[in-house]
Structures are given as C-alpha cells and as structure tokens.
Amino acid sequence: MKFFFLIPSSTIRTSTLKKVKSVVGGQERADVFSRILLNLYRWKDRCDAKSVVVLYLSHPEENLTFTIPLDLISSPIENELEATKFMINLLNSPDELGITLEKQDFSSLLRNLAADCNLFYLTSTGRDISKLDEDSIKSNNFCFILGSQVDLTDAQEKDLSKYDPTLISVGDREYLASHVVSIINHYLFTKFQ
C-alpha cells in the first residue's frame, strides 16, 4: 500500500537560483513545500504503507512532476534546514537524488495517479476525514491532493472531477498545508496501525 501526497505549485521554478536564505525567506514559496516534506518525512516510518510525495510545478514554463518516495531519501530530514537543503538539491539536480522527474500536464498526471489510486481532494466542503466509510478506503493506494498555498485552480479542479475524487476535509478552519499532511497522517496512522 502507498500513500501519495500530490501538491501542485504555480510559483516554484527550477530556472531560478535558490539558496537557503531565499527559500526560508519565501522565494517562490519553496519554503511551503520544504515544510510539507519535513512533516511527511517525520511520519514515513509510523505506518506500513510507503509514502510518496508528488510535487507538481504547474507554471506554464515548467509542467514538471517530481515523484519522491520518502523511503528512498538517503540523508535524514530531521529539521527545517535539512528539508530546505533537500528542496534546493531537488530543484537543482533531481538526478543526483534518484528522484523521478517527468514533463507532463496536470491532466496526464491525474490520469496516471487515478489508474493506481483512490483520489482524495482536500477541500473545506468535503466530508470529515475521520468519517470516511470502509468502502472509501478499500484501495491499495491513496492519493491525497491539496494545494500548497491555495486550492487547485478551476481548470485543475475540472480535470480532477473527471476521476470522481472523494472530497474530504480536516475541519472547517484554514490550516497550513504542512499541518494538513500531519492531520491526514495521524488519521492514517490510527486507521492502519
């Protein structure tokens, strides 16, 4: 069983030079993804399932997918600085990290994920994640889709709707994406431990 976490970003670019100071300072909001990565990495060994982060760079000049199996990361990510350094290396030289990089549009990415996963879209109008029935989670693999800063664009939501995702929520408050992934993992840990 695998848990995929798909996070699109329209602002992160591979073509700009990044340093620790610029990432932590919020350049292109790569800091958001480094915090998401840190929180997901902290959960990776608590459940038998494998966790995979899928970062989709949706800027028109990018359309890149980084597929990051967390168990294949060789250097531990134990704090925000290590997560930031990993993010910089990821954007500069994914090959050296053994990360799969693919040029594709969002629709193709969704089609590939939907072939192997039940899709769950995090939105404030969705059902509480703790109230999901057993039929909703009878898949070998899950893919949780959430925005890094904002929800998906209208066009992305239209593409996603073709795959009839389960709309889920972690509550009626707005949370940082890095917090949302921890809440999801807490639920998965209690459900599948």
Protein backbone atom coordinates (compact mmCIF):
# COMPACT_ATOMS: atom_id res chain seq x y z
CA MET A 1 0.00 0.00 0.00
CA LYS A 2 1.21 3.50 -0.85
CA PHE A 3 0.07 6.93 0.27
CA PHE A 4 0.67 9.61 -2.37
CA PHE A 5 0.53 13.30 -1.50
CA LEU A 6 0.10 15.47 -4.60
CA ILE A 7 0.91 19.14 -4.06
CA PRO A 8 0.77 21.47 -7.09
CA SER A 9 2.65 24.76 -7.02
CA SER A 10 2.29 27.50 -9.61
CA THR A 11 5.14 29.58 -8.20
CA ILE A 12 8.13 27.25 -7.71
CA ARG A 13 10.52 27.36 -10.66
CA THR A 14 13.54 25.23 -11.50
CA SER A 15 15.15 28.02 -13.51
CA THR A 16 15.88 30.38 -10.59
CA LEU A 17 18.86 30.11 -8.27
CA LYS A 18 17.85 29.15 -4.76
CA LYS A 19 19.82 29.46 -1.56
CA VAL A 20 18.85 28.57 2.00
CA LYS A 21 18.17 32.22 2.80
CA SER A 22 15.93 32.76 -0.25
CA VAL A 23 13.94 29.56 0.33
CA VAL A 24 13.42 30.24 4.04
CA GLY A 25 12.54 33.82 3.07
CA GLY A 26 9.70 32.57 0.89
CA GLN A 27 11.12 32.92 -2.63
CA GLU A 28 8.54 31.31 -4.91
CA ARG A 29 7.10 29.73 -1.73
CA ALA A 30 9.52 26.81 -1.91
CA ASP A 31 9.54 27.12 1.89
CA VAL A 32 5.96 25.82 1.97
CA PHE A 33 6.99 22.63 0.21
CA SER A 34 10.07 22.12 2.40
CA ARG A 35 7.80 22.23 5.49
CA ILE A 36 5.37 19.77 3.88
CA LEU A 37 8.28 17.48 3.06
CA LEU A 38 9.61 17.71 6.62
CA ASN A 39 6.24 16.81 8.15
CA LEU A 40 5.66 13.92 5.76
CA TYR A 41 9.17 12.60 6.34
CA ARG A 42 8.51 12.53 10.10
CA TRP A 43 5.54 10.21 9.52
CA LYS A 44 7.12 7.85 6.98
CA ASP A 45 8.06 5.06 9.41
CA ARG A 46 4.93 5.07 11.56
CA CYS A 47 2.78 3.04 9.17
CA ASP A 48 3.43 0.01 6.99
CA ALA A 49 2.45 1.94 3.87
CA LYS A 50 5.03 3.70 1.74
CA SER A 51 4.68 7.49 1.46
CA VAL A 52 5.34 9.23 -1.84
CA VAL A 53 5.36 12.99 -2.35
CA VAL A 54 4.40 14.24 -5.80
CA LEU A 55 5.34 17.87 -6.34
CA TYR A 56 3.79 19.29 -9.49
CA LEU A 57 5.23 22.55 -10.82
CA SER A 58 2.29 23.95 -12.75
CA HIS A 59 3.87 27.16 -14.04
CA PRO A 60 3.37 27.14 -17.86
CA GLU A 61 7.14 27.07 -18.41
CA GLU A 62 7.52 24.10 -16.07
CA ASN A 63 4.75 21.43 -16.11
CA LEU A 64 7.11 19.17 -14.18
CA THR A 65 6.34 16.35 -11.80
CA PHE A 66 8.82 15.33 -9.11
CA THR A 67 7.95 11.91 -7.64
CA ILE A 68 9.69 11.45 -4.29
CA PRO A 69 9.41 8.10 -2.46
CA LEU A 70 10.26 9.11 1.10
CA ASP A 71 11.86 5.78 1.97
CA LEU A 72 14.46 6.30 -0.77
CA ILE A 73 15.77 9.56 0.66
CA SER A 74 19.28 8.66 1.82
CA SER A 75 20.01 11.63 4.10
CA PRO A 76 17.59 12.07 7.00
CA ILE A 77 15.37 15.15 7.09
CA GLU A 78 15.05 15.96 10.76
CA ASN A 79 14.61 19.73 10.77
CA GLU A 80 13.59 22.62 8.55
CA LEU A 81 17.15 23.41 7.47
CA GLU A 82 17.69 19.85 6.21
CA ALA A 83 14.33 19.96 4.42
CA THR A 84 15.28 23.28 2.82
CA LYS A 85 18.65 21.92 1.65
CA PHE A 86 16.90 18.86 0.23
CA MET A 87 14.45 21.12 -1.62
CA ILE A 88 17.29 23.17 -3.12
CA ASN A 89 19.10 20.00 -4.25
CA LEU A 90 15.84 18.61 -5.62
CA LEU A 91 15.23 21.64 -7.80
CA ASN A 92 18.87 21.92 -8.91
CA SER A 93 19.77 18.28 -9.54
CA PRO A 94 17.00 15.71 -9.07
CA ASP A 95 19.04 13.02 -10.87
CA GLU A 96 21.68 13.04 -8.13
CA LEU A 97 18.97 12.33 -5.55
CA GLY A 98 17.43 9.49 -7.56
CA ILE A 99 14.17 11.41 -7.91
CA THR A 100 11.90 10.75 -10.89
CA LEU A 101 11.27 13.89 -12.92
CA GLU A 102 8.68 13.95 -15.69
CA LYS A 103 7.44 16.67 -18.03
CA GLN A 104 3.64 16.36 -18.25
CA ASP A 105 0.47 18.35 -17.94
CA PHE A 106 -1.78 18.12 -14.88
CA SER A 107 -4.39 16.04 -16.67
CA SER A 108 -1.81 13.36 -17.58
CA LEU A 109 -0.52 13.31 -14.01
CA LEU A 110 -4.04 12.77 -12.66
CA ARG A 111 -4.74 10.02 -15.20
CA ASN A 112 -1.59 8.16 -14.12
CA LEU A 113 -2.40 8.50 -10.42
CA ALA A 114 -6.07 7.55 -10.88
CA ALA A 115 -5.02 4.30 -12.56
CA ASP A 116 -3.47 3.08 -9.30
CA CYS A 117 -5.05 5.15 -6.52
CA ASN A 118 -8.25 6.28 -4.91
CA LEU A 119 -8.13 10.06 -5.20
CA PHE A 120 -8.98 12.25 -2.21
CA TYR A 121 -9.23 16.02 -2.67
CA LEU A 122 -8.76 18.14 0.44
CA THR A 123 -11.32 20.94 0.46
CA SER A 124 -13.25 22.70 3.19
CA THR A 125 -16.54 21.46 1.69
CA GLY A 126 -15.52 17.80 1.87
CA ARG A 127 -16.55 15.14 4.39
CA ASP A 128 -14.59 14.96 7.61
CA ILE A 129 -11.69 12.57 7.02
CA SER A 130 -12.50 10.69 10.23
CA LYS A 131 -15.98 9.89 8.91
CA LEU A 132 -14.89 8.04 5.77
CA ASP A 133 -16.61 4.70 5.40
CA GLU A 134 -14.72 1.49 4.75
CA ASP A 135 -15.70 1.47 1.06
CA SER A 136 -13.95 4.82 0.54
CA ILE A 137 -10.64 3.43 1.73
CA LYS A 138 -10.62 -0.02 0.11
CA SER A 139 -7.85 0.79 -2.31
CA ASN A 140 -4.32 -0.47 -2.32
CA ASN A 141 -3.10 3.09 -2.80
CA PHE A 142 -4.41 6.51 -1.80
CA CYS A 143 -3.60 9.86 -3.34
CA PHE A 144 -4.30 12.98 -1.28
CA ILE A 145 -4.42 16.15 -3.36
CA LEU A 146 -4.00 19.52 -1.67
CA GLY A 147 -2.81 22.97 -2.58
CA SER A 148 0.47 24.29 -1.25
CA GLN A 149 -0.89 27.78 -0.63
CA VAL A 150 -4.31 27.90 -2.28
CA ASP A 151 -6.76 25.33 -3.63
CA LEU A 152 -6.42 23.96 -7.13
CA THR A 153 -7.25 26.28 -10.00
CA ASP A 154 -10.67 25.99 -11.65
CA ALA A 155 -9.07 24.21 -14.61
CA GLN A 156 -7.27 21.75 -12.30
CA GLU A 157 -10.48 21.07 -10.37
CA LYS A 158 -12.29 20.44 -13.67
CA ASP A 159 -9.59 17.92 -14.68
CA LEU A 160 -9.77 16.28 -11.25
CA SER A 161 -13.58 15.99 -11.36
CA LYS A 162 -13.26 13.55 -14.31
CA TYR A 163 -11.88 10.99 -11.84
CA ASP A 164 -14.65 11.39 -9.26
CA PRO A 165 -12.37 12.09 -6.27
CA THR A 166 -13.64 11.74 -2.72
CA LEU A 167 -13.88 15.23 -1.24
CA ILE A 168 -12.50 15.26 2.28
CA SER A 169 -11.80 17.86 4.90
CA VAL A 170 -9.76 18.14 8.08
CA GLY A 171 -12.17 20.68 9.55
CA ASP A 172 -13.79 24.00 8.89
CA ARG A 173 -10.70 26.08 9.68
CA GLU A 174 -7.95 27.02 7.29
CA TYR A 175 -4.68 25.20 8.02
CA LEU A 176 -1.22 25.36 6.55
CA ALA A 177 -0.61 22.55 4.06
CA SER A 178 2.20 21.26 6.27
CA HIS A 179 -0.32 20.90 9.11
CA VAL A 180 -2.90 19.26 6.87
CA VAL A 181 -0.48 16.47 5.90
CA SER A 182 0.18 15.80 9.59
CA ILE A 183 -3.55 15.59 10.31
CA ILE A 184 -4.03 13.19 7.39
CA ASN A 185 -1.13 11.05 8.57
CA HIS A 186 -2.48 10.99 12.11
CA TYR A 187 -5.77 9.67 10.74
CA LEU A 188 -3.99 7.09 8.54
CA PHE A 189 -1.78 6.01 11.43
CA THR A 190 -4.75 5.37 13.72
CA LYS A 191 -6.68 3.64 10.94
CA PHE A 192 -3.90 1.38 9.63
CA GLN A 193 -1.51 0.82 12.52
